[in-house]
Amino acid sequence: MDATVTIPFPPDLLEALSQRVAEILEQRPPAQRFMDSENAAIYLGLPVKTLRTRSWRERVGIPSRQLSGGRLIFDRLALDLYLGS
């Protein structure tokens, strides 16, 4: 027995929905590829203090770079690969 259910969707509602989604996406700033500790912590759902702990980052394998001066940066694409593994 086929369990597929089709619900009719009015074309004008679909058009209004797609226009609203486009408006929302235009209002959002472009995603930054490189993030500081605070933004990376938000992105990963972690406390900033935890993310800044070098031994913890190395133990769990979170990719990061430390710039001269000690500032940490995180590559969003590398974090996405980390999250996908």
Protein backbone atom coordinates (compact mmCIF):
# COMPACT_ATOMS: atom_id res chain seq x y z
CA MET A 1 0.00 0.00 0.00
CA ASP A 2 1.35 3.44 -0.95
CA ALA A 3 1.69 5.76 2.09
CA THR A 4 2.43 8.92 0.09
CA VAL A 5 0.10 11.80 0.85
CA THR A 6 -0.07 14.85 -1.38
CA ILE A 7 -1.37 18.08 0.10
CA PRO A 8 -2.34 20.79 -2.36
CA PHE A 9 -0.35 23.99 -1.90
CA PRO A 10 -1.85 27.15 -3.40
CA PRO A 11 0.57 28.71 -5.93
CA ASP A 12 0.12 32.23 -4.53
CA LEU A 13 1.05 31.01 -1.05
CA LEU A 14 4.14 29.26 -2.41
CA GLU A 15 5.18 32.47 -4.22
CA ALA A 16 4.66 34.59 -1.08
CA LEU A 17 6.67 32.12 0.97
CA SER A 18 9.57 32.09 -1.49
CA GLN A 19 9.63 35.90 -1.62
CA ARG A 20 9.71 36.12 2.19
CA VAL A 21 12.56 33.61 2.41
CA ALA A 22 14.50 35.65 -0.17
CA GLU A 23 13.92 38.83 1.87
CA ILE A 24 15.15 37.19 5.07
CA LEU A 25 18.26 35.84 3.36
CA GLU A 26 19.07 39.27 1.92
CA GLN A 27 18.92 40.82 5.41
CA ARG A 28 21.40 38.35 6.89
CA PRO A 29 25.06 39.24 6.65
CA PRO A 30 27.16 36.80 4.62
CA ALA A 31 28.63 34.00 6.67
CA GLN A 32 32.21 34.75 7.61
CA ARG A 33 34.64 31.99 6.73
CA PHE A 34 37.08 32.84 9.52
CA MET A 35 35.75 33.37 13.02
CA ASP A 36 37.14 34.48 16.36
CA SER A 37 36.71 32.39 19.51
CA GLU A 38 33.41 33.98 20.50
CA ASN A 39 31.71 33.40 17.14
CA ALA A 40 33.18 29.91 16.78
CA ALA A 41 31.87 29.00 20.25
CA ILE A 42 28.38 30.16 19.27
CA TYR A 43 28.66 28.26 15.98
CA LEU A 44 29.66 25.06 17.80
CA GLY A 45 27.35 25.55 20.79
CA LEU A 46 30.22 25.57 23.28
CA PRO A 47 31.30 27.89 26.08
CA VAL A 48 34.03 30.29 24.91
CA LYS A 49 36.27 29.34 27.83
CA THR A 50 36.14 25.67 26.81
CA LEU A 51 36.94 26.48 23.19
CA ARG A 52 39.93 28.60 24.23
CA THR A 53 41.46 25.72 26.22
CA ARG A 54 44.24 24.41 23.98
CA SER A 55 44.51 20.96 25.55
CA TRP A 56 40.76 20.40 25.15
CA ARG A 57 40.77 21.60 21.51
CA GLU A 58 43.65 19.28 20.68
CA ARG A 59 42.08 16.33 22.52
CA VAL A 60 38.77 16.57 20.66
CA GLY A 61 40.36 17.67 17.37
CA ILE A 62 38.77 21.07 16.82
CA PRO A 63 40.75 22.76 14.03
CA SER A 64 42.12 26.20 14.87
CA ARG A 65 45.03 28.51 14.12
CA GLN A 66 46.83 30.77 16.52
CA LEU A 67 48.04 34.01 15.02
CA SER A 68 51.09 35.88 16.20
CA GLY A 69 49.95 37.78 19.24
CA GLY A 70 47.98 34.78 20.50
CA ARG A 71 44.65 35.42 18.75
CA LEU A 72 42.76 32.24 17.81
CA ILE A 73 40.89 31.94 14.54
CA PHE A 74 38.64 29.16 13.31
CA ASP A 75 37.86 28.27 9.70
CA ARG A 76 34.12 27.66 9.30
CA LEU A 77 34.69 25.12 6.52
CA ALA A 78 37.10 23.12 8.73
CA LEU A 79 34.58 23.29 11.59
CA ASP A 80 31.86 21.98 9.26
CA LEU A 81 34.10 19.02 8.35
CA TYR A 82 34.79 18.45 12.04
CA LEU A 83 31.07 18.47 12.84
CA GLY A 84 30.35 16.10 9.97
CA SER A 85 32.84 13.51 11.18
